Amino acid sequence: MSEQTLISMKPVSEYADELARVLEPLVRRIVREELERVVERQPDVFVLQEDSPLYGDMVELARRSREGKIELLTYEQVWNQDAE
């Protein structure tokens, strides 16, 4: 059997895992950028319910920020590239 044949015999789940690994950061980045655009254009459109986990996370981040216990990273630090 040739090497090419052996490579093509990988289980589909391996391809799916690799695809997810590659796509997830890209999808997260696109969603984040789109949310930023929406909030900039319509700041009142983004409302969190107080009982949502994200609301609780935001409250915790605000508290830690007030107490000086949080360090925000720059775009370059997060994405390890030049700002666009």
Protein backbone atom coordinates (compact mmCIF):
# COMPACT_ATOMS: atom_id res chain seq x y z
CA MET A 1 0.00 0.00 0.00
CA SER A 2 1.36 3.45 -0.85
CA GLU A 3 1.86 6.22 1.71
CA GLN A 4 -0.85 8.27 0.01
CA THR A 5 -3.36 5.45 0.52
CA LEU A 6 -2.42 5.13 4.19
CA ILE A 7 -2.87 8.85 4.76
CA SER A 8 -6.32 8.80 3.21
CA MET A 9 -7.36 6.00 5.57
CA LYS A 10 -7.32 8.26 8.64
CA PRO A 11 -10.65 8.20 10.46
CA VAL A 12 -13.02 11.02 9.58
CA SER A 13 -12.97 12.09 13.24
CA GLU A 14 -9.27 13.00 12.90
CA TYR A 15 -10.07 15.30 10.00
CA ALA A 16 -12.97 16.81 11.92
CA ASP A 17 -10.77 17.42 14.97
CA GLU A 18 -8.10 19.07 12.84
CA LEU A 19 -10.67 21.18 11.02
CA ALA A 20 -12.18 22.31 14.34
CA ARG A 21 -8.72 23.16 15.67
CA VAL A 22 -8.02 25.34 12.64
CA LEU A 23 -11.45 26.94 12.32
CA GLU A 24 -12.24 27.69 15.97
CA PRO A 25 -9.76 30.57 16.41
CA LEU A 26 -10.83 32.02 13.07
CA VAL A 27 -14.53 31.85 13.94
CA ARG A 28 -13.89 33.37 17.38
CA ARG A 29 -11.97 36.24 15.81
CA ILE A 30 -14.68 36.92 13.22
CA VAL A 31 -17.45 36.84 15.83
CA ARG A 32 -15.49 39.17 18.12
CA GLU A 33 -14.85 41.64 15.30
CA GLU A 34 -18.49 41.59 14.21
CA LEU A 35 -19.70 42.11 17.78
CA GLU A 36 -17.35 45.08 18.11
CA ARG A 37 -18.81 46.59 14.94
CA VAL A 38 -22.38 46.13 16.14
CA VAL A 39 -21.67 47.65 19.54
CA GLU A 40 -19.90 50.63 17.95
CA ARG A 41 -22.84 51.33 15.61
CA GLN A 42 -25.65 50.57 18.06
CA PRO A 43 -24.34 50.63 21.64
CA ASP A 44 -27.78 50.00 23.15
CA VAL A 45 -28.40 46.78 21.17
CA PHE A 46 -26.21 44.60 23.38
CA VAL A 47 -28.06 43.88 26.63
CA LEU A 48 -27.21 41.02 28.99
CA GLN A 49 -29.76 39.41 31.26
CA GLU A 50 -28.65 39.58 34.90
CA ASP A 51 -29.07 35.82 35.35
CA SER A 52 -26.83 34.94 32.38
CA PRO A 53 -23.36 33.47 32.99
CA LEU A 54 -21.81 36.14 30.75
CA TYR A 55 -23.36 38.91 32.86
CA GLY A 56 -21.85 37.37 35.97
CA ASP A 57 -18.46 37.19 34.25
CA MET A 58 -18.69 40.84 33.24
CA VAL A 59 -19.58 41.89 36.80
CA GLU A 60 -16.62 39.89 38.12
CA LEU A 61 -14.27 41.46 35.56
CA ALA A 62 -15.50 44.95 36.46
CA ARG A 63 -14.93 44.26 40.17
CA ARG A 64 -11.44 42.91 39.58
CA SER A 65 -10.65 45.88 37.33
CA ARG A 66 -11.73 48.38 40.02
CA GLU A 67 -9.52 46.56 42.53
CA GLY A 68 -6.57 46.64 40.14
CA LYS A 69 -6.47 42.85 40.01
CA ILE A 70 -6.81 42.51 36.28
CA GLU A 71 -4.37 43.13 33.48
CA LEU A 72 -5.83 43.60 30.02
CA LEU A 73 -3.71 42.43 27.11
CA THR A 74 -3.11 44.45 23.99
CA TYR A 75 -4.30 43.25 20.61
CA GLU A 76 -0.72 42.34 19.73
CA GLN A 77 -0.32 40.27 22.90
CA VAL A 78 -3.56 38.38 22.32
CA TRP A 79 -3.08 37.67 18.63
CA ASN A 80 0.72 37.77 18.58
CA GLN A 81 0.69 40.00 15.53
CA ASP A 82 0.62 43.66 14.52
CA ALA A 83 -2.64 45.52 15.07
CA GLU A 84 -4.67 45.87 11.91
